[in-house]
Structures are given as C-alpha cells and as structure tokens.
PDB file of N, CA and C in Angstrom:
ATOM      1  N   MET A   1       0.801  -1.084   0.151  1.00  0.00           N
ATOM      2  CA  MET A   1      -0.029  -0.085  -0.081  1.00  0.00           C
ATOM      3  C   MET A   1       0.908   1.350   0.099  1.00  0.00           C
ATOM      4  N   GLN A   2       0.726   2.448  -0.454  1.00  0.00           N
ATOM      5  CA  GLN A   2       1.144   3.608  -0.523  1.00  0.00           C
ATOM      6  C   GLN A   2       0.223   4.551   0.092  1.00  0.00           C
ATOM      7  N   LEU A   3       1.045   5.424   0.775  1.00  0.00           N
ATOM      8  CA  LEU A   3       0.623   6.553   1.880  1.00  0.00           C
ATOM      9  C   LEU A   3       1.262   7.758   1.623  1.00  0.00           C
ATOM     10  N   THR A   4       0.549   8.671   1.964  1.00  0.00           N
ATOM     11  CA  THR A   4       1.021  10.229   1.810  1.00  0.00           C
ATOM     12  C   THR A   4       1.175  10.347   3.391  1.00  0.00           C
ATOM     13  N   VAL A   5       2.466  10.620   3.580  1.00  0.00           N
ATOM     14  CA  VAL A   5       2.725  11.087   5.075  1.00  0.00           C
ATOM     15  C   VAL A   5       2.994  12.772   4.997  1.00  0.00           C
ATOM     16  N   ARG A   6       2.279  13.418   5.874  1.00  0.00           N
ATOM     17  CA  ARG A   6       2.403  14.905   6.187  1.00  0.00           C
ATOM     18  C   ARG A   6       3.001  15.291   7.293  1.00  0.00           C
ATOM     19  N   TYR A   7       4.225  15.996   7.277  1.00  0.00           N
ATOM     20  CA  TYR A   7       4.953  16.137   8.686  1.00  0.00           C
ATOM     21  C   TYR A   7       4.517  17.825   9.359  1.00  0.00           C
ATOM     22  N   PHE A   8       4.247  17.838   9.946  1.00  0.00           N
ATOM     23  CA  PHE A   8       3.992  19.364  10.471  1.00  0.00           C
ATOM     24  C   PHE A   8       4.836  19.751  11.743  1.00  0.00           C
ATOM     25  N   ALA A   9       5.338  21.370  11.913  1.00  0.00           N
ATOM     26  CA  ALA A   9       6.082  21.638  12.950  1.00  0.00           C
ATOM     27  C   ALA A   9       7.444  20.946  13.188  1.00  0.00           C
ATOM     28  N   GLY A  10       7.647  20.590  14.273  1.00  0.00           N
ATOM     29  CA  GLY A  10       8.895  19.698  14.264  1.00  0.00           C
ATOM     30  C   GLY A  10       9.133  18.702  13.972  1.00  0.00           C
ATOM     31  N   ALA A  11       8.219  18.091  13.272  1.00  0.00           N
ATOM     32  CA  ALA A  11       8.152  16.784  12.670  1.00  0.00           C
ATOM     33  C   ALA A  11       8.741  17.166  11.504  1.00  0.00           C
ATOM     34  N   SER A  12       8.328  18.088  11.029  1.00  0.00           N
ATOM     35  CA  SER A  12       8.772  18.583   9.452  1.00  0.00           C
ATOM     36  C   SER A  12      10.148  19.141   9.312  1.00  0.00           C
ATOM     37  N   ALA A  13      10.521  19.840  10.710  1.00  0.00           N
ATOM     38  CA  ALA A  13      11.942  20.156  10.680  1.00  0.00           C
ATOM     39  C   ALA A  13      12.675  18.694  10.808  1.00  0.00           C
ATOM     40  N   ALA A  14      12.333  17.869  11.525  1.00  0.00           N
ATOM     41  CA  ALA A  14      13.454  16.665  11.669  1.00  0.00           C
ATOM     42  C   ALA A  14      13.506  15.888  10.600  1.00  0.00           C
ATOM     43  N   ALA A  15      12.249  15.314   9.879  1.00  0.00           N
ATOM     44  CA  ALA A  15      12.490  14.662   8.652  1.00  0.00           C
ATOM     45  C   ALA A  15      13.324  15.492   7.642  1.00  0.00           C
ATOM     46  N   GLU A  16      13.033  17.006   7.545  1.00  0.00           N
ATOM     47  CA  GLU A  16      13.580  17.749   6.865  1.00  0.00           C
ATOM     48  C   GLU A  16      12.482  17.552   5.542  1.00  0.00           C
ATOM     49  N   LEU A  17      11.224  17.673   5.508  1.00  0.00           N
ATOM     50  CA  LEU A  17      10.602  17.705   4.435  1.00  0.00           C
ATOM     51  C   LEU A  17       9.262  17.796   5.190  1.00  0.00           C
ATOM     52  N   GLU A  18       8.382  18.448   4.233  1.00  0.00           N
ATOM     53  CA  GLU A  18       6.849  18.498   4.319  1.00  0.00           C
ATOM     54  C   GLU A  18       6.326  17.481   4.231  1.00  0.00           C
ATOM     55  N   GLU A  19       6.376  16.370   3.072  1.00  0.00           N
ATOM     56  CA  GLU A  19       5.665  15.476   2.744  1.00  0.00           C
ATOM     57  C   GLU A  19       6.242  14.449   1.915  1.00  0.00           C
ATOM     58  N   GLU A  20       5.915  13.163   2.166  1.00  0.00           N
ATOM     59  CA  GLU A  20       6.450  12.065   1.357  1.00  0.00           C
ATOM     60  C   GLU A  20       5.490  11.117   0.934  1.00  0.00           C
ATOM     61  N   LEU A  21       5.815  10.072  -0.093  1.00  0.00           N
ATOM     62  CA  LEU A  21       5.224   8.922  -0.040  1.00  0.00           C
ATOM     63  C   LEU A  21       5.789   7.779   0.278  1.00  0.00           C
ATOM     64  N   VAL A  22       5.289   6.527   0.894  1.00  0.00           N
ATOM     65  CA  VAL A  22       5.723   5.981   1.824  1.00  0.00           C
ATOM     66  C   VAL A  22       4.979   4.373   1.420  1.00  0.00           C
ATOM     67  N   GLU A  23       5.931   3.483   1.029  1.00  0.00           N
ATOM     68  CA  GLU A  23       5.184   1.886   0.515  1.00  0.00           C
ATOM     69  C   GLU A  23       5.201   1.220   1.922  1.00  0.00           C
ATOM     70  N   LEU A  24       4.109   0.443   2.143  1.00  0.00           N
ATOM     71  CA  LEU A  24       4.193  -0.442   3.516  1.00  0.00           C
ATOM     72  C   LEU A  24       3.416  -1.534   3.281  1.00  0.00           C
ATOM     73  N   PRO A  25       3.759  -2.891   3.145  1.00  0.00           N
ATOM     74  CA  PRO A  25       2.765  -4.023   3.188  1.00  0.00           C
ATOM     75  C   PRO A  25       1.572  -3.853   3.642  1.00  0.00           C
ATOM     76  N   ASP A  26       0.903  -4.309   2.900  1.00  0.00           N
ATOM     77  CA  ASP A  26      -0.781  -4.372   3.241  1.00  0.00           C
ATOM     78  C   ASP A  26      -1.023  -4.933   4.927  1.00  0.00           C
ATOM     79  N   GLY A  27      -1.748  -4.300   5.669  1.00  0.00           N
ATOM     80  CA  GLY A  27      -1.916  -4.765   7.066  1.00  0.00           C
ATOM     81  C   GLY A  27      -0.688  -3.876   8.177  1.00  0.00           C
ATOM     82  N   SER A  28      -0.095  -2.920   7.454  1.00  0.00           N
ATOM     83  CA  SER A  28       0.790  -2.635   8.235  1.00  0.00           C
ATOM     84  C   SER A  28      -0.093  -1.468   9.200  1.00  0.00           C
ATOM     85  N   THR A  29       0.637  -1.342  10.604  1.00  0.00           N
ATOM     86  CA  THR A  29      -0.197  -0.516  11.627  1.00  0.00           C
ATOM     87  C   THR A  29       0.536   1.201  11.399  1.00  0.00           C
ATOM     88  N   VAL A  30       0.185   2.175  12.240  1.00  0.00           N
ATOM     89  CA  VAL A  30       0.650   3.424  12.266  1.00  0.00           C
ATOM     90  C   VAL A  30       1.775   3.116  13.011  1.00  0.00           C
ATOM     91  N   ASP A  31       2.096   1.897  14.104  1.00  0.00           N
ATOM     92  CA  ASP A  31       2.990   1.750  14.996  1.00  0.00           C
ATOM     93  C   ASP A  31       4.211   1.523  13.706  1.00  0.00           C
ATOM     94  N   ALA A  32       4.020   0.606  12.995  1.00  0.00           N
ATOM     95  CA  ALA A  32       4.927  -0.249  11.801  1.00  0.00           C
ATOM     96  C   ALA A  32       5.256   0.985  10.489  1.00  0.00           C
ATOM     97  N   LEU A  33       4.632   2.119  10.614  1.00  0.00           N
ATOM     98  CA  LEU A  33       4.877   3.417   9.853  1.00  0.00           C
ATOM     99  C   LEU A  33       5.672   4.059  10.730  1.00  0.00           C
ATOM    100  N   ALA A  34       5.410   4.515  11.840  1.00  0.00           N
ATOM    101  CA  ALA A  34       6.423   5.011  12.548  1.00  0.00           C
ATOM    102  C   ALA A  34       7.779   4.665  12.791  1.00  0.00           C
ATOM    103  N   GLY A  35       7.877   3.347  12.893  1.00  0.00           N
ATOM    104  CA  GLY A  35       8.829   2.391  12.357  1.00  0.00           C
ATOM    105  C   GLY A  35       9.906   2.762  11.293  1.00  0.00           C
ATOM    106  N   VAL A  36       9.296   2.669  10.199  1.00  0.00           N
ATOM    107  CA  VAL A  36       9.821   2.707   8.866  1.00  0.00           C
ATOM    108  C   VAL A  36      10.341   4.156   8.610  1.00  0.00           C
ATOM    109  N   LEU A  37       9.391   5.387   9.331  1.00  0.00           N
ATOM    110  CA  LEU A  37       9.938   6.383   9.212  1.00  0.00           C
ATOM    111  C   LEU A  37      11.209   6.894   9.848  1.00  0.00           C
ATOM    112  N   ALA A  38      11.285   6.760  11.091  1.00  0.00           N
ATOM    113  CA  ALA A  38      12.333   6.698  11.883  1.00  0.00           C
ATOM    114  C   ALA A  38      13.627   5.966  11.404  1.00  0.00           C
ATOM    115  N   GLU A  39      13.366   4.908  10.720  1.00  0.00           N
ATOM    116  CA  GLU A  39      14.761   4.328   9.697  1.00  0.00           C
ATOM    117  C   GLU A  39      15.030   5.323   8.980  1.00  0.00           C
ATOM    118  N   ARG A  40      14.201   5.859   8.077  1.00  0.00           N
ATOM    119  CA  ARG A  40      14.532   6.423   6.930  1.00  0.00           C
ATOM    120  C   ARG A  40      15.535   7.590   7.328  1.00  0.00           C
ATOM    121  N   HIS A  41      14.292   8.661   8.303  1.00  0.00           N
ATOM    122  CA  HIS A  41      15.222  10.017   8.455  1.00  0.00           C
ATOM    123  C   HIS A  41      15.898   9.909   9.905  1.00  0.00           C
ATOM    124  N   GLY A  42      16.183   9.080  10.837  1.00  0.00           N
ATOM    125  CA  GLY A  42      17.247   9.136  11.890  1.00  0.00           C
ATOM    126  C   GLY A  42      16.808   9.368  13.317  1.00  0.00           C
ATOM    127  N   ALA A  43      17.389   9.681  14.033  1.00  0.00           N
ATOM    128  CA  ALA A  43      17.130   9.702  15.651  1.00  0.00           C
ATOM    129  C   ALA A  43      16.450  10.941  15.679  1.00  0.00           C
ATOM    130  N   ALA A  44      16.797  11.939  15.016  1.00  0.00           N
ATOM    131  CA  ALA A  44      15.890  13.205  15.578  1.00  0.00           C
ATOM    132  C   ALA A  44      14.150  13.075  15.303  1.00  0.00           C
ATOM    133  N   LEU A  45      14.173  12.419  14.102  1.00  0.00           N
ATOM    134  CA  LEU A  45      12.652  11.929  13.759  1.00  0.00           C
ATOM    135  C   LEU A  45      12.057  11.073  14.747  1.00  0.00           C
ATOM    136  N   ALA A  46      12.838  10.343  15.268  1.00  0.00           N
ATOM    137  CA  ALA A  46      12.406   9.121  16.165  1.00  0.00           C
ATOM    138  C   ALA A  46      12.138   9.529  17.189  1.00  0.00           C
ATOM    139  N   ARG A  47      12.825  10.758  17.923  1.00  0.00           N
ATOM    140  CA  ARG A  47      12.460  10.925  19.040  1.00  0.00           C
ATOM    141  C   ARG A  47      10.932  11.834  18.969  1.00  0.00           C
ATOM    142  N   VAL A  48      11.051  12.531  17.838  1.00  0.00           N
ATOM    143  CA  VAL A  48       9.532  13.284  17.819  1.00  0.00           C
ATOM    144  C   VAL A  48       8.580  12.333  17.596  1.00  0.00           C
ATOM    145  N   LEU A  49       8.717  11.385  17.077  1.00  0.00           N
ATOM    146  CA  LEU A  49       7.540  10.544  16.509  1.00  0.00           C
ATOM    147  C   LEU A  49       7.049   9.721  18.010  1.00  0.00           C
ATOM    148  N   ALA A  50       7.758   9.476  18.892  1.00  0.00           N
ATOM    149  CA  ALA A  50       7.923   8.811  19.857  1.00  0.00           C
ATOM    150  C   ALA A  50       6.526   9.379  20.715  1.00  0.00           C
ATOM    151  N   SER A  51       6.311  10.828  20.566  1.00  0.00           N
ATOM    152  CA  SER A  51       5.288  11.602  21.385  1.00  0.00           C
ATOM    153  C   SER A  51       4.292  12.537  20.292  1.00  0.00           C
ATOM    154  N   SER A  52       4.511  11.795  19.022  1.00  0.00           N
ATOM    155  CA  SER A  52       3.642  12.741  17.874  1.00  0.00           C
ATOM    156  C   SER A  52       2.309  11.628  18.125  1.00  0.00           C
ATOM    157  N   THR A  53       1.513  12.503  17.742  1.00  0.00           N
ATOM    158  CA  THR A  53      -0.151  12.352  17.160  1.00  0.00           C
ATOM    159  C   THR A  53      -0.014  11.939  15.922  1.00  0.00           C
ATOM    160  N   PHE A  54      -0.767  10.875  15.251  1.00  0.00           N
ATOM    161  CA  PHE A  54      -1.227  10.492  14.187  1.00  0.00           C
ATOM    162  C   PHE A  54      -2.483  10.617  13.496  1.00  0.00           C
ATOM    163  N   LEU A  55      -2.612  11.342  12.651  1.00  0.00           N
ATOM    164  CA  LEU A  55      -4.145  11.115  12.112  1.00  0.00           C
ATOM    165  C   LEU A  55      -4.408  10.574  10.852  1.00  0.00           C
ATOM    166  N   VAL A  56      -4.973   9.539  10.805  1.00  0.00           N
ATOM    167  CA  VAL A  56      -5.137   8.466   9.475  1.00  0.00           C
ATOM    168  C   VAL A  56      -6.304   9.126   8.840  1.00  0.00           C
ATOM    169  N   ASP A  57      -6.074   9.524   7.813  1.00  0.00           N
ATOM    170  CA  ASP A  57      -7.166  10.051   6.761  1.00  0.00           C
ATOM    171  C   ASP A  57      -7.973  11.141   7.785  1.00  0.00           C
ATOM    172  N   GLU A  58      -7.374  11.842   8.395  1.00  0.00           N
ATOM    173  CA  GLU A  58      -7.678  13.225   8.942  1.00  0.00           C
ATOM    174  C   GLU A  58      -8.260  12.442  10.457  1.00  0.00           C
ATOM    175  N   VAL A  59      -8.603  11.443  10.990  1.00  0.00           N
ATOM    176  CA  VAL A  59      -9.193  10.948  11.999  1.00  0.00           C
ATOM    177  C   VAL A  59      -7.954  10.238  12.925  1.00  0.00           C
ATOM    178  N   PRO A  60      -8.067  10.904  14.175  1.00  0.00           N
ATOM    179  CA  PRO A  60      -6.901  10.368  15.398  1.00  0.00           C
ATOM    180  C   PRO A  60      -7.376   8.906  15.570  1.00  0.00           C
ATOM    181  N   GLY A  61      -6.013   8.101  16.175  1.00  0.00           N
ATOM    182  CA  GLY A  61      -6.360   6.718  16.560  1.00  0.00           C
ATOM    183  C   GLY A  61      -5.197   6.255  17.364  1.00  0.00           C
ATOM    184  N   GLY A  62      -4.793   5.124  17.826  1.00  0.00           N
ATOM    185  CA  GLY A  62      -3.924   4.822  18.374  1.00  0.00           C
ATOM    186  C   GLY A  62      -2.583   3.965  17.240  1.00  0.00           C
ATOM    187  N   ARG A  63      -1.352   3.799  18.031  1.00  0.00           N
ATOM    188  CA  ARG A  63      -0.332   3.544  17.122  1.00  0.00           C
ATOM    189  C   ARG A  63      -0.761   1.942  16.746  1.00  0.00           C
ATOM    190  N   GLU A  64      -1.434   1.158  17.037  1.00  0.00           N
ATOM    191  CA  GLU A  64      -1.839  -0.233  16.922  1.00  0.00           C
ATOM    192  C   GLU A  64      -3.336  -0.211  15.586  1.00  0.00           C
ATOM    193  N   ARG A  65      -3.509   1.118  15.233  1.00  0.00           N
ATOM    194  CA  ARG A  65      -4.381   1.302  14.559  1.00  0.00           C
ATOM    195  C   ARG A  65      -3.975   0.589  12.864  1.00  0.00           C
ATOM    196  N   PRO A  66      -4.721  -0.168  12.210  1.00  0.00           N
ATOM    197  CA  PRO A  66      -4.617  -0.679  10.660  1.00  0.00           C
ATOM    198  C   PRO A  66      -4.347   0.208   9.572  1.00  0.00           C
ATOM    199  N   LEU A  67      -3.686   0.303   8.860  1.00  0.00           N
ATOM    200  CA  LEU A  67      -3.481   1.471   8.093  1.00  0.00           C
ATOM    201  C   LEU A  67      -4.516   0.923   6.649  1.00  0.00           C
ATOM    202  N   THR A  68      -5.137  -0.103   6.797  1.00  0.00           N
ATOM    203  CA  THR A  68      -5.442  -0.480   5.301  1.00  0.00           C
ATOM    204  C   THR A  68      -6.754   0.452   4.945  1.00  0.00           C
ATOM    205  N   GLY A  69      -6.606   0.656   3.765  1.00  0.00           N
ATOM    206  CA  GLY A  69      -7.290   1.708   3.015  1.00  0.00           C
ATOM    207  C   GLY A  69      -7.006   2.769   3.372  1.00  0.00           C
ATOM    208  N   ALA A  70      -5.868   3.088   4.000  1.00  0.00           N
ATOM    209  CA  ALA A  70      -5.675   4.403   4.338  1.00  0.00           C
ATOM    210  C   ALA A  70      -4.912   5.200   3.222  1.00  0.00           C
ATOM    211  N   ARG A  71      -5.061   6.630   3.053  1.00  0.00           N
ATOM    212  CA  ARG A  71      -4.194   7.202   2.146  1.00  0.00           C
ATOM    213  C   ARG A  71      -3.645   8.453   2.259  1.00  0.00           C
ATOM    214  N   LEU A  72      -3.699   8.981   3.260  1.00  0.00           N
ATOM    215  CA  LEU A  72      -3.166   9.797   4.210  1.00  0.00           C
ATOM    216  C   LEU A  72      -2.482   9.835   5.505  1.00  0.00           C
ATOM    217  N   VAL A  73      -1.846   9.844   5.930  1.00  0.00           N
ATOM    218  CA  VAL A  73      -1.026  10.231   7.557  1.00  0.00           C
ATOM    219  C   VAL A  73      -0.613  11.411   7.520  1.00  0.00           C
ATOM    220  N   ASP A  74      -1.111  12.129   8.578  1.00  0.00           N
ATOM    221  CA  ASP A  74      -0.533  13.350   9.491  1.00  0.00           C
ATOM    222  C   ASP A  74       0.128  13.157  10.636  1.00  0.00           C
ATOM    223  N   VAL A  75       1.299  13.524  10.517  1.00  0.00           N
ATOM    224  CA  VAL A  75       2.300  13.485  11.963  1.00  0.00           C
ATOM    225  C   VAL A  75       2.478  14.927  12.714  1.00  0.00           C
ATOM    226  N   LEU A  76       1.695  14.812  13.705  1.00  0.00           N
ATOM    227  CA  LEU A  76       1.638  15.897  14.508  1.00  0.00           C
ATOM    228  C   LEU A  76       2.373  16.014  15.981  1.00  0.00           C
ATOM    229  N   PRO A  77       3.400  16.343  16.055  1.00  0.00           N
ATOM    230  CA  PRO A  77       4.256  16.503  17.382  1.00  0.00           C
ATOM    231  C   PRO A  77       3.441  17.495  18.190  1.00  0.00           C
ATOM    232  N   PRO A  78       3.798  17.312  19.618  1.00  0.00           N
ATOM    233  CA  PRO A  78       3.136  17.993  20.331  1.00  0.00           C
ATOM    234  C   PRO A  78       3.509  19.615  20.247  1.00  0.00           C
ATOM    235  N   PHE A  79       2.676  20.382  20.487  1.00  0.00           N
ATOM    236  CA  PHE A  79       2.604  21.871  20.180  1.00  0.00           C
ATOM    237  C   PHE A  79       2.875  22.398  21.701  1.00  0.00           C
ATOM    238  N   ALA A  80       3.651  23.539  21.761  1.00  0.00           N
ATOM    239  CA  ALA A  80       4.044  24.296  22.954  1.00  0.00           C
ATOM    240  C   ALA A  80       3.043  25.502  22.971  1.00  0.00           C
ATOM    241  N   GLY A  81       2.644  25.940  24.158  1.00  0.00           N
ATOM    242  CA  GLY A  81       1.724  26.751  24.381  1.00  0.00           C
ATOM    243  C   GLY A  81       0.309  26.519  24.437  1.00  0.00           C
ATOM    244  N   GLY A  82      -0.622  27.609  24.089  1.00  0.00           N
ATOM    245  CA  GLY A  82      -2.081  27.184  24.549  1.00  0.00           C
ATOM    246  C   GLY A  82      -3.175  27.139  23.069  1.00  0.00           C
TER     247      GLY A  82
END
C-alpha cells in the first residue's frame, strides 16, 4: 500500500521535508509506519515520533490502528503553548 505522509512543525524540521510517499506492506499499523519513518530519517525524527499524534485520513487513532485502506497520515508533534 502507498500512503502520503505529511509532517507538521517539529516533525517537518526533523524529517527535513513536509510530505513524502511511503510504501508499506498491506496490514501495516501506524506503529509500523513510525518505525519505517524513524529508520528512513534517523534519531531526530524518531524522538519526535515517540510523542507525536497520528491522524489517519484526518481521524486520530492509536498506534495499533491498521492502515488498511488509508491514503493519508499526518504526523503532529506536541505543540507548545495554548
């Protein structure tokens, strides 16, 4: 399956890009995606991903959530302030 991953704020800075296409095996989860992204972009992004929220097709969910049928994943790191 192919997904578009969009990075916001500190996640974009750590990945050094705003968006990319990622190929994953069918049945992959959000957690598996996070692992692929951490391997691809290194320790700085891995630290951000550990505390990020993931929106799958604009719906929040846990890291165990399957990505079957998904097209878009947004990576939202914690935001400071109010």
